[in-house]
Full PDB file with SEQRES, HELIX, SHEET, SSBOND, CRYST1, ORIGX, SCALE, CONECT and MASTER records, all heavy atoms in Angstrom:
SEQRES   1 A   37  VAL ARG ARG PRO MET GLN TYR ASP LEU ALA MET ARG GLU          
SEQRES   2 A   37  ALA LEU THR ARG ALA ALA ALA ALA GLN PRO HIS LEU THR          
SEQRES   3 A   37  THR ALA THR SER ASN VAL VAL THR TRP ARG GLU                  
HELIX    1 AA1 LEU A    9  ALA A   21  1                                  13    
HELIX    2 AA2 VAL A   32  ARG A   36  1                                   5    
CRYST1    1.000    1.000    1.000  90.00  90.00  90.00 P 1           1          
ORIGX1      1.000000  0.000000  0.000000        0.00000                         
ORIGX2      0.000000  1.000000  0.000000        0.00000                         
ORIGX3      0.000000  0.000000  1.000000        0.00000                         
SCALE1      1.000000  0.000000  0.000000        0.00000                         
SCALE2      0.000000  1.000000  0.000000        0.00000                         
SCALE3      0.000000  0.000000  1.000000        0.00000                         
ATOM      1  N   VAL A   1     -14.799 -20.907  -8.839  1.00  0.00           N  
ATOM      2  CA  VAL A   1     -13.621 -21.222  -8.064  1.00  0.00           C  
ATOM      3  C   VAL A   1     -12.397 -20.819  -8.846  1.00  0.00           C  
ATOM      4  O   VAL A   1     -12.148 -21.311  -9.959  1.00  0.00           O  
ATOM      5  CB  VAL A   1     -13.531 -22.733  -7.707  1.00  0.00           C  
ATOM      6  CG1 VAL A   1     -12.283 -23.079  -6.902  1.00  0.00           C  
ATOM      7  CG2 VAL A   1     -14.764 -23.142  -6.943  1.00  0.00           C  
ATOM      8  N   ARG A   2     -11.649 -19.909  -8.266  1.00  0.00           N  
ATOM      9  CA  ARG A   2     -10.397 -19.414  -8.938  1.00  0.00           C  
ATOM     10  C   ARG A   2      -9.236 -19.774  -8.077  1.00  0.00           C  
ATOM     11  O   ARG A   2      -9.279 -19.724  -6.838  1.00  0.00           O  
ATOM     12  CB  ARG A   2     -10.471 -17.910  -9.129  1.00  0.00           C  
ATOM     13  CG  ARG A   2     -11.534 -17.534 -10.126  1.00  0.00           C  
ATOM     14  CD  ARG A   2     -11.351 -16.074 -10.500  1.00  0.00           C  
ATOM     15  NE  ARG A   2     -12.321 -15.689 -11.510  1.00  0.00           N  
ATOM     16  CZ  ARG A   2     -13.247 -14.828 -11.350  1.00  0.00           C  
ATOM     17  NH1 ARG A   2     -13.390 -14.177 -10.169  1.00  0.00           N  
ATOM     18  NH2 ARG A   2     -14.088 -14.500 -12.336  1.00  0.00           N  
ATOM     19  N   ARG A   3      -8.116 -20.076  -8.720  1.00  0.00           N  
ATOM     20  CA  ARG A   3      -6.901 -20.336  -7.972  1.00  0.00           C  
ATOM     21  C   ARG A   3      -6.385 -19.002  -7.423  1.00  0.00           C  
ATOM     22  O   ARG A   3      -6.538 -17.950  -8.074  1.00  0.00           O  
ATOM     23  CB  ARG A   3      -5.838 -20.894  -8.909  1.00  0.00           C  
ATOM     24  CG  ARG A   3      -6.106 -22.316  -9.288  1.00  0.00           C  
ATOM     25  CD  ARG A   3      -5.005 -22.917 -10.156  1.00  0.00           C  
ATOM     26  NE  ARG A   3      -3.824 -22.114 -10.276  1.00  0.00           N  
ATOM     27  CZ  ARG A   3      -3.075 -22.066 -11.360  1.00  0.00           C  
ATOM     28  NH1 ARG A   3      -3.358 -22.720 -12.440  1.00  0.00           N  
ATOM     29  NH2 ARG A   3      -1.988 -21.274 -11.397  1.00  0.00           N  
ATOM     30  N   PRO A   4      -5.804 -19.004  -6.223  1.00  0.00           N  
ATOM     31  CA  PRO A   4      -5.249 -17.779  -5.707  1.00  0.00           C  
ATOM     32  C   PRO A   4      -4.076 -17.293  -6.623  1.00  0.00           C  
ATOM     33  O   PRO A   4      -3.371 -18.135  -7.227  1.00  0.00           O  
ATOM     34  CB  PRO A   4      -4.739 -18.115  -4.297  1.00  0.00           C  
ATOM     35  CG  PRO A   4      -4.660 -19.589  -4.301  1.00  0.00           C  
ATOM     36  CD  PRO A   4      -5.649 -20.122  -5.303  1.00  0.00           C  
ATOM     37  N   MET A   5      -3.912 -15.957  -6.713  1.00  0.00           N  
ATOM     38  CA  MET A   5      -2.846 -15.466  -7.540  1.00  0.00           C  
ATOM     39  C   MET A   5      -1.482 -15.762  -6.952  1.00  0.00           C  
ATOM     40  O   MET A   5      -1.285 -15.675  -5.754  1.00  0.00           O  
ATOM     41  CB  MET A   5      -3.007 -13.946  -7.680  1.00  0.00           C  
ATOM     42  CG  MET A   5      -4.250 -13.570  -8.396  1.00  0.00           C  
ATOM     43  SD  MET A   5      -4.356 -11.779  -8.635  1.00  0.00           S  
ATOM     44  CE  MET A   5      -3.065 -11.427  -9.747  1.00  0.00           C  
ATOM     45  N   GLN A   6      -0.590 -16.257  -7.803  1.00  0.00           N  
ATOM     46  CA  GLN A   6       0.722 -16.561  -7.365  1.00  0.00           C  
ATOM     47  C   GLN A   6       1.670 -15.709  -8.187  1.00  0.00           C  
ATOM     48  O   GLN A   6       1.795 -15.815  -9.393  1.00  0.00           O  
ATOM     49  CB  GLN A   6       1.057 -18.031  -7.611  1.00  0.00           C  
ATOM     50  CG  GLN A   6       0.163 -18.967  -6.807  1.00  0.00           C  
ATOM     51  CD  GLN A   6       0.405 -20.438  -7.127  1.00  0.00           C  
ATOM     52  OE1 GLN A   6       1.099 -20.766  -8.055  1.00  0.00           O  
ATOM     53  NE2 GLN A   6      -0.092 -21.283  -6.296  1.00  0.00           N  
ATOM     54  N   TYR A   7       2.408 -14.833  -7.422  1.00  0.00           N  
ATOM     55  CA  TYR A   7       3.359 -13.937  -8.049  1.00  0.00           C  
ATOM     56  C   TYR A   7       4.680 -14.628  -8.195  1.00  0.00           C  
ATOM     57  O   TYR A   7       5.112 -15.339  -7.370  1.00  0.00           O  
ATOM     58  CB  TYR A   7       3.498 -12.679  -7.266  1.00  0.00           C  
ATOM     59  CG  TYR A   7       2.180 -11.874  -7.133  1.00  0.00           C  
ATOM     60  CD1 TYR A   7       1.565 -11.769  -5.923  1.00  0.00           C  
ATOM     61  CD2 TYR A   7       1.612 -11.237  -8.208  1.00  0.00           C  
ATOM     62  CE1 TYR A   7       0.378 -11.064  -5.777  1.00  0.00           C  
ATOM     63  CE2 TYR A   7       0.436 -10.541  -8.129  1.00  0.00           C  
ATOM     64  CZ  TYR A   7      -0.139 -10.452  -6.903  1.00  0.00           C  
ATOM     65  OH  TYR A   7      -1.307  -9.726  -6.770  1.00  0.00           O  
ATOM     66  N   ASP A   8       5.337 -14.324  -9.296  1.00  0.00           N  
ATOM     67  CA  ASP A   8       6.677 -14.876  -9.467  1.00  0.00           C  
ATOM     68  C   ASP A   8       7.697 -14.021  -8.718  1.00  0.00           C  
ATOM     69  O   ASP A   8       7.286 -13.008  -8.134  1.00  0.00           O  
ATOM     70  CB  ASP A   8       7.086 -14.968 -10.946  1.00  0.00           C  
ATOM     71  CG  ASP A   8       7.042 -13.656 -11.679  1.00  0.00           C  
ATOM     72  OD1 ASP A   8       6.525 -12.667 -11.060  1.00  0.00           O  
ATOM     73  OD2 ASP A   8       7.528 -13.557 -12.781  1.00  0.00           O  
ATOM     74  N   LEU A   9       8.927 -14.355  -8.702  1.00  0.00           N  
ATOM     75  CA  LEU A   9       9.919 -13.683  -7.915  1.00  0.00           C  
ATOM     76  C   LEU A   9      10.078 -12.220  -8.321  1.00  0.00           C  
ATOM     77  O   LEU A   9      10.187 -11.301  -7.473  1.00  0.00           O  
ATOM     78  CB  LEU A   9      11.250 -14.375  -8.008  1.00  0.00           C  
ATOM     79  CG  LEU A   9      12.428 -13.880  -7.202  1.00  0.00           C  
ATOM     80  CD1 LEU A   9      12.090 -13.899  -5.727  1.00  0.00           C  
ATOM     81  CD2 LEU A   9      13.745 -14.564  -7.487  1.00  0.00           C  
ATOM     82  N   ALA A  10      10.027 -11.898  -9.596  1.00  0.00           N  
ATOM     83  CA  ALA A  10      10.211 -10.525 -10.048  1.00  0.00           C  
ATOM     84  C   ALA A  10       9.046  -9.630  -9.567  1.00  0.00           C  
ATOM     85  O   ALA A  10       9.294  -8.479  -9.097  1.00  0.00           O  
ATOM     86  CB  ALA A  10      10.328 -10.474 -11.576  1.00  0.00           C  
ATOM     87  N   MET A  11       7.858 -10.149  -9.589  1.00  0.00           N  
ATOM     88  CA  MET A  11       6.705  -9.387  -9.087  1.00  0.00           C  
ATOM     89  C   MET A  11       6.824  -9.182  -7.568  1.00  0.00           C  
ATOM     90  O   MET A  11       6.498  -8.083  -7.094  1.00  0.00           O  
ATOM     91  CB  MET A  11       5.400 -10.090  -9.425  1.00  0.00           C  
ATOM     92  CG  MET A  11       4.961  -9.999 -10.855  1.00  0.00           C  
ATOM     93  SD  MET A  11       4.617  -8.279 -11.330  1.00  0.00           S  
ATOM     94  CE  MET A  11       3.136  -7.975 -10.445  1.00  0.00           C  
ATOM     95  N   ARG A  12       7.293 -10.170  -6.838  1.00  0.00           N  
ATOM     96  CA  ARG A  12       7.384 -10.007  -5.387  1.00  0.00           C  
ATOM     97  C   ARG A  12       8.433  -8.993  -5.034  1.00  0.00           C  
ATOM     98  O   ARG A  12       8.288  -8.186  -4.135  1.00  0.00           O  
ATOM     99  CB  ARG A  12       7.663 -11.367  -4.724  1.00  0.00           C  
ATOM    100  CG  ARG A  12       6.424 -12.239  -4.651  1.00  0.00           C  
ATOM    101  CD  ARG A  12       6.712 -13.456  -3.940  1.00  0.00           C  
ATOM    102  NE  ARG A  12       7.404 -14.339  -4.883  1.00  0.00           N  
ATOM    103  CZ  ARG A  12       7.802 -15.575  -4.647  1.00  0.00           C  
ATOM    104  NH1 ARG A  12       7.662 -16.093  -3.493  1.00  0.00           N  
ATOM    105  NH2 ARG A  12       8.332 -16.286  -5.631  1.00  0.00           N  
ATOM    106  N   GLU A  13       9.549  -8.971  -5.767  1.00  0.00           N  
ATOM    107  CA  GLU A  13      10.610  -8.007  -5.534  1.00  0.00           C  
ATOM    108  C   GLU A  13      10.137  -6.579  -5.879  1.00  0.00           C  
ATOM    109  O   GLU A  13      10.433  -5.614  -5.150  1.00  0.00           O  
ATOM    110  CB  GLU A  13      11.894  -8.343  -6.365  1.00  0.00           C  
ATOM    111  CG  GLU A  13      12.608  -9.489  -5.830  1.00  0.00           C  
ATOM    112  CD  GLU A  13      13.820  -9.879  -6.718  1.00  0.00           C  
ATOM    113  OE1 GLU A  13      14.022  -9.260  -7.765  1.00  0.00           O  
ATOM    114  OE2 GLU A  13      14.545 -10.816  -6.326  1.00  0.00           O  
ATOM    115  N   ALA A  14       9.376  -6.418  -6.960  1.00  0.00           N  
ATOM    116  CA  ALA A  14       8.877  -5.106  -7.315  1.00  0.00           C  
ATOM    117  C   ALA A  14       7.863  -4.643  -6.269  1.00  0.00           C  
ATOM    118  O   ALA A  14       7.806  -3.453  -5.928  1.00  0.00           O  
ATOM    119  CB  ALA A  14       8.187  -5.193  -8.716  1.00  0.00           C  
ATOM    120  N   LEU A  15       7.115  -5.511  -5.713  1.00  0.00           N  
ATOM    121  CA  LEU A  15       6.113  -5.221  -4.670  1.00  0.00           C  
ATOM    122  C   LEU A  15       6.862  -4.705  -3.403  1.00  0.00           C  
ATOM    123  O   LEU A  15       6.418  -3.717  -2.808  1.00  0.00           O  
ATOM    124  CB  LEU A  15       5.277  -6.447  -4.306  1.00  0.00           C  
ATOM    125  CG  LEU A  15       4.236  -6.255  -3.239  1.00  0.00           C  
ATOM    126  CD1 LEU A  15       3.138  -5.338  -3.732  1.00  0.00           C  
ATOM    127  CD2 LEU A  15       3.644  -7.598  -2.853  1.00  0.00           C  
ATOM    128  N   THR A  16       7.900  -5.403  -2.994  1.00  0.00           N  
ATOM    129  CA  THR A  16       8.634  -4.961  -1.806  1.00  0.00           C  
ATOM    130  C   THR A  16       9.284  -3.609  -2.036  1.00  0.00           C  
ATOM    131  O   THR A  16       9.382  -2.767  -1.129  1.00  0.00           O  
ATOM    132  CB  THR A  16       9.647  -6.008  -1.348  1.00  0.00           C  
ATOM    133  OG1 THR A  16      10.519  -6.290  -2.460  1.00  0.00           O  
ATOM    134  CG2 THR A  16       8.989  -7.246  -0.892  1.00  0.00           C  
ATOM    135  N   ARG A  17       9.873  -3.390  -3.216  1.00  0.00           N  
ATOM    136  CA  ARG A  17      10.498  -2.048  -3.535  1.00  0.00           C  
ATOM    137  C   ARG A  17       9.446  -0.948  -3.489  1.00  0.00           C  
ATOM    138  O   ARG A  17       9.669   0.092  -2.987  1.00  0.00           O  
ATOM    139  CB  ARG A  17      11.145  -2.090  -4.930  1.00  0.00           C  
ATOM    140  CG  ARG A  17      12.519  -2.770  -4.931  1.00  0.00           C  
ATOM    141  CD  ARG A  17      13.289  -2.435  -6.199  1.00  0.00           C  
ATOM    142  NE  ARG A  17      12.518  -2.554  -7.399  1.00  0.00           N  
ATOM    143  CZ  ARG A  17      12.432  -3.711  -8.152  1.00  0.00           C  
ATOM    144  NH1 ARG A  17      13.119  -4.787  -7.764  1.00  0.00           N  
ATOM    145  NH2 ARG A  17      11.705  -3.754  -9.264  1.00  0.00           N  
ATOM    146  N   ALA A  18       8.272  -1.219  -4.090  1.00  0.00           N  
ATOM    147  CA  ALA A  18       7.234  -0.163  -4.046  1.00  0.00           C  
ATOM    148  C   ALA A  18       6.726   0.096  -2.669  1.00  0.00           C  
ATOM    149  O   ALA A  18       6.460   1.239  -2.308  1.00  0.00           O  
ATOM    150  CB  ALA A  18       6.079  -0.625  -5.002  1.00  0.00           C  
ATOM    151  N   ALA A  19       6.605  -0.939  -1.887  1.00  0.00           N  
ATOM    152  CA  ALA A  19       6.125  -0.739  -0.488  1.00  0.00           C  
ATOM    153  C   ALA A  19       7.138   0.035   0.308  1.00  0.00           C  
ATOM    154  O   ALA A  19       6.800   0.834   1.181  1.00  0.00           O  
ATOM    155  CB  ALA A  19       5.822  -2.093   0.176  1.00  0.00           C  
ATOM    156  N   ALA A  20       8.451  -0.218   0.072  1.00  0.00           N  
ATOM    157  CA  ALA A  20       9.498   0.475   0.823  1.00  0.00           C  
ATOM    158  C   ALA A  20       9.597   1.932   0.373  1.00  0.00           C  
ATOM    159  O   ALA A  20       9.939   2.850   1.186  1.00  0.00           O  
ATOM    160  CB  ALA A  20      10.826  -0.200   0.621  1.00  0.00           C  
ATOM    161  N   ALA A  21       9.312   2.289  -0.873  1.00  0.00           N  
ATOM    162  CA  ALA A  21       9.423   3.628  -1.364  1.00  0.00           C  
ATOM    163  C   ALA A  21       8.240   4.520  -0.972  1.00  0.00           C  
ATOM    164  O   ALA A  21       8.401   5.750  -0.878  1.00  0.00           O  
ATOM    165  CB  ALA A  21       9.524   3.609  -2.905  1.00  0.00           C  
ATOM    166  N   GLN A  22       7.147   3.934  -0.640  1.00  0.00           N  
ATOM    167  CA  GLN A  22       5.924   4.752  -0.272  1.00  0.00           C  
ATOM    168  C   GLN A  22       6.041   5.175   1.209  1.00  0.00           C  
ATOM    169  O   GLN A  22       6.433   4.464   2.069  1.00  0.00           O  
ATOM    170  CB  GLN A  22       4.683   3.936  -0.484  1.00  0.00           C  
ATOM    171  CG  GLN A  22       4.303   3.741  -1.909  1.00  0.00           C  
ATOM    172  CD  GLN A  22       2.963   2.974  -2.048  1.00  0.00           C  
ATOM    173  OE1 GLN A  22       2.387   2.645  -1.082  1.00  0.00           O  
ATOM    174  NE2 GLN A  22       2.539   2.809  -3.287  1.00  0.00           N  
ATOM    175  N   PRO A  23       5.652   6.417   1.467  1.00  0.00           N  
ATOM    176  CA  PRO A  23       5.602   6.813   2.859  1.00  0.00           C  
ATOM    177  C   PRO A  23       4.436   6.151   3.598  1.00  0.00           C  
ATOM    178  O   PRO A  23       3.532   5.661   2.949  1.00  0.00           O  
ATOM    179  CB  PRO A  23       5.352   8.365   2.747  1.00  0.00           C  
ATOM    180  CG  PRO A  23       4.654   8.541   1.410  1.00  0.00           C  
ATOM    181  CD  PRO A  23       5.241   7.461   0.521  1.00  0.00           C  
ATOM    182  N   HIS A  24       4.513   6.152   4.862  1.00  0.00           N  
ATOM    183  CA  HIS A  24       3.446   5.514   5.651  1.00  0.00           C  
ATOM    184  C   HIS A  24       2.179   6.320   5.473  1.00  0.00           C  
ATOM    185  O   HIS A  24       2.175   7.566   5.582  1.00  0.00           O  
ATOM    186  CB  HIS A  24       3.837   5.463   7.168  1.00  0.00           C  
ATOM    187  CG  HIS A  24       4.210   4.090   7.558  1.00  0.00           C  
ATOM    188  ND1 HIS A  24       5.367   3.496   7.121  1.00  0.00           N  
ATOM    189  CD2 HIS A  24       3.587   3.157   8.332  1.00  0.00           C  
ATOM    190  CE1 HIS A  24       5.450   2.292   7.658  1.00  0.00           C  
ATOM    191  NE2 HIS A  24       4.417   2.069   8.376  1.00  0.00           N  
ATOM    192  N   LEU A  25       1.070   5.628   5.284  1.00  0.00           N  
ATOM    193  CA  LEU A  25      -0.185   6.319   5.106  1.00  0.00           C  
ATOM    194  C   LEU A  25      -0.802   6.567   6.498  1.00  0.00           C  
ATOM    195  O   LEU A  25      -0.700   5.732   7.385  1.00  0.00           O  
ATOM    196  CB  LEU A  25      -1.174   5.485   4.288  1.00  0.00           C  
ATOM    197  CG  LEU A  25      -0.716   5.185   2.849  1.00  0.00           C  
ATOM    198  CD1 LEU A  25      -1.692   4.261   2.155  1.00  0.00           C  
ATOM    199  CD2 LEU A  25      -0.566   6.486   2.077  1.00  0.00           C  
ATOM    200  N   THR A  26      -1.412   7.730   6.636  1.00  0.00           N  
ATOM    201  CA  THR A  26      -2.053   8.073   7.889  1.00  0.00           C  
ATOM    202  C   THR A  26      -3.532   7.918   7.735  1.00  0.00           C  
ATOM    203  O   THR A  26      -4.169   8.506   6.789  1.00  0.00           O  
ATOM    204  CB  THR A  26      -1.727   9.523   8.300  1.00  0.00           C  
ATOM    205  OG1 THR A  26      -0.307   9.671   8.326  1.00  0.00           O  
ATOM    206  CG2 THR A  26      -2.372   9.884   9.647  1.00  0.00           C  
ATOM    207  N   THR A  27      -4.176   7.151   8.603  1.00  0.00           N  
ATOM    208  CA  THR A  27      -5.607   6.997   8.544  1.00  0.00           C  
ATOM    209  C   THR A  27      -6.244   8.203   9.170  1.00  0.00           C  
ATOM    210  O   THR A  27      -5.937   8.541  10.301  1.00  0.00           O  
ATOM    211  CB  THR A  27      -6.022   5.708   9.293  1.00  0.00           C  
ATOM    212  OG1 THR A  27      -5.269   4.576   8.800  1.00  0.00           O  
ATOM    213  CG2 THR A  27      -7.498   5.420   9.086  1.00  0.00           C  
ATOM    214  N   ALA A  28      -7.135   8.890   8.410  1.00  0.00           N  
ATOM    215  CA  ALA A  28      -7.741  10.066   8.931  1.00  0.00           C  
ATOM    216  C   ALA A  28      -9.168  10.115   8.392  1.00  0.00           C  
ATOM    217  O   ALA A  28      -9.447   9.667   7.314  1.00  0.00           O  
ATOM    218  CB  ALA A  28      -6.983  11.266   8.481  1.00  0.00           C  
ATOM    219  N   THR A  29     -10.026  10.759   9.226  1.00  0.00           N  
ATOM    220  CA  THR A  29     -11.350  11.022   8.748  1.00  0.00           C  
ATOM    221  C   THR A  29     -11.371  12.355   8.060  1.00  0.00           C  
ATOM    222  O   THR A  29     -10.489  13.209   8.295  1.00  0.00           O  
ATOM    223  CB  THR A  29     -12.333  11.035   9.930  1.00  0.00           C  
ATOM    224  OG1 THR A  29     -11.929  12.091  10.852  1.00  0.00           O  
ATOM    225  CG2 THR A  29     -12.428   9.682  10.638  1.00  0.00           C  
ATOM    226  N   SER A  30     -12.308  12.575   7.247  1.00  0.00           N  
ATOM    227  CA  SER A  30     -12.305  13.811   6.416  1.00  0.00           C  
ATOM    228  C   SER A  30     -13.113  14.879   7.113  1.00  0.00           C  
ATOM    229  O   SER A  30     -14.290  15.107   6.790  1.00  0.00           O  
ATOM    230  CB  SER A  30     -12.900  13.556   5.018  1.00  0.00           C  
ATOM    231  OG  SER A  30     -14.176  13.105   5.170  1.00  0.00           O  
ATOM    232  N   ASN A  31     -12.541  15.541   8.058  1.00  0.00           N  
ATOM    233  CA  ASN A  31     -13.126  16.708   8.652  1.00  0.00           C  
ATOM    234  C   ASN A  31     -12.080  17.829   8.667  1.00  0.00           C  
ATOM    235  O   ASN A  31     -10.919  17.597   8.478  1.00  0.00           O  
ATOM    236  CB  ASN A  31     -13.764  16.490  10.003  1.00  0.00           C  
ATOM    237  CG  ASN A  31     -12.755  16.052  11.053  1.00  0.00           C  
ATOM    238  OD1 ASN A  31     -11.577  16.336  10.905  1.00  0.00           O  
ATOM    239  ND2 ASN A  31     -13.251  15.344  12.071  1.00  0.00           N  
ATOM    240  N   VAL A  32     -12.536  19.009   8.872  1.00  0.00           N  
ATOM    241  CA  VAL A  32     -11.630  20.204   8.749  1.00  0.00           C  
ATOM    242  C   VAL A  32     -10.550  20.166   9.776  1.00  0.00           C  
ATOM    243  O   VAL A  32      -9.370  20.482   9.469  1.00  0.00           O  
ATOM    244  CB  VAL A  32     -12.464  21.506   8.857  1.00  0.00           C  
ATOM    245  CG1 VAL A  32     -11.576  22.708   8.780  1.00  0.00           C  
ATOM    246  CG2 VAL A  32     -13.468  21.506   7.776  1.00  0.00           C  
ATOM    247  N   VAL A  33     -10.804  19.780  11.017  1.00  0.00           N  
ATOM    248  CA  VAL A  33      -9.822  19.765  12.078  1.00  0.00           C  
ATOM    249  C   VAL A  33      -8.706  18.807  11.752  1.00  0.00           C  
ATOM    250  O   VAL A  33      -7.532  19.146  11.889  1.00  0.00           O  
ATOM    251  CB  VAL A  33     -10.535  19.424  13.425  1.00  0.00           C  
ATOM    252  CG1 VAL A  33      -9.498  19.286  14.523  1.00  0.00           C  
ATOM    253  CG2 VAL A  33     -11.578  20.412  13.734  1.00  0.00           C  
ATOM    254  N   THR A  34      -9.054  17.623  11.255  1.00  0.00           N  
ATOM    255  CA  THR A  34      -7.979  16.614  10.936  1.00  0.00           C  
ATOM    256  C   THR A  34      -7.104  17.156   9.837  1.00  0.00           C  
ATOM    257  O   THR A  34      -5.882  16.998   9.871  1.00  0.00           O  
ATOM    258  CB  THR A  34      -8.642  15.307  10.537  1.00  0.00           C  
ATOM    259  OG1 THR A  34      -9.567  14.962  11.544  1.00  0.00           O  
ATOM    260  CG2 THR A  34      -7.637  14.231  10.307  1.00  0.00           C  
ATOM    261  N   TRP A  35      -7.750  17.771   8.790  1.00  0.00           N  
ATOM    262  CA  TRP A  35      -6.925  18.298   7.674  1.00  0.00           C  
ATOM    263  C   TRP A  35      -5.987  19.434   8.156  1.00  0.00           C  
ATOM    264  O   TRP A  35      -4.863  19.490   7.678  1.00  0.00           O  
ATOM    265  CB  TRP A  35      -7.851  18.766   6.562  1.00  0.00           C  
ATOM    266  CG  TRP A  35      -8.475  17.632   5.832  1.00  0.00           C  
ATOM    267  CD1 TRP A  35      -9.768  17.252   5.859  1.00  0.00           C  
ATOM    268  CD2 TRP A  35      -7.813  16.789   4.937  1.00  0.00           C  
ATOM    269  NE1 TRP A  35      -9.954  16.162   5.071  1.00  0.00           N  
ATOM    270  CE2 TRP A  35      -8.784  15.870   4.463  1.00  0.00           C  
ATOM    271  CE3 TRP A  35      -6.503  16.656   4.421  1.00  0.00           C  
ATOM    272  CZ2 TRP A  35      -8.474  14.825   3.556  1.00  0.00           C  
ATOM    273  CZ3 TRP A  35      -6.202  15.647   3.562  1.00  0.00           C  
ATOM    274  CH2 TRP A  35      -7.170  14.761   3.135  1.00  0.00           C  
ATOM    275  N   ARG A  36      -6.450  20.250   9.068  1.00  0.00           N  
ATOM    276  CA  ARG A  36      -5.578  21.309   9.556  1.00  0.00           C  
ATOM    277  C   ARG A  36      -4.436  20.753  10.401  1.00  0.00           C  
ATOM    278  O   ARG A  36      -3.284  21.228  10.312  1.00  0.00           O  
ATOM    279  CB  ARG A  36      -6.392  22.258  10.423  1.00  0.00           C  
ATOM    280  CG  ARG A  36      -7.288  23.167   9.594  1.00  0.00           C  
ATOM    281  CD  ARG A  36      -8.016  24.176  10.462  1.00  0.00           C  
ATOM    282  NE  ARG A  36      -8.950  24.937   9.651  1.00  0.00           N  
ATOM    283  CZ  ARG A  36     -10.069  25.475  10.099  1.00  0.00           C  
ATOM    284  NH1 ARG A  36     -10.368  25.410  11.388  1.00  0.00           N  
ATOM    285  NH2 ARG A  36     -10.865  26.161   9.311  1.00  0.00           N  
ATOM    286  N   GLU A  37      -4.712  19.694  11.182  1.00  0.00           N  
ATOM    287  CA  GLU A  37      -3.648  19.070  11.959  1.00  0.00           C  
ATOM    288  C   GLU A  37      -2.638  18.349  11.053  1.00  0.00           C  
ATOM    289  O   GLU A  37      -1.444  18.391  11.355  1.00  0.00           O  
ATOM    290  CB  GLU A  37      -4.228  18.058  12.941  1.00  0.00           C  
ATOM    291  CG  GLU A  37      -5.019  18.687  14.075  1.00  0.00           C  
ATOM    292  CD  GLU A  37      -5.722  17.658  14.962  1.00  0.00           C  
ATOM    293  OE1 GLU A  37      -5.579  16.475  14.666  1.00  0.00           O  
ATOM    294  OE2 GLU A  37      -6.411  18.039  15.890  1.00  0.00           O  
TER     295      GLU A  37                                                      
MASTER        0    0    0    2    0    0    0    6  294    1    0    3          
END                                                                             
């Protein structure tokens, strides 16, 4: 039994900045047609 991780305020702010800086990920299967599109 482990306690759930609790992030302090600095870690939560860094998490929101990193999430805002990343582009949206596109879910795709790995076939040739999808990669060409």
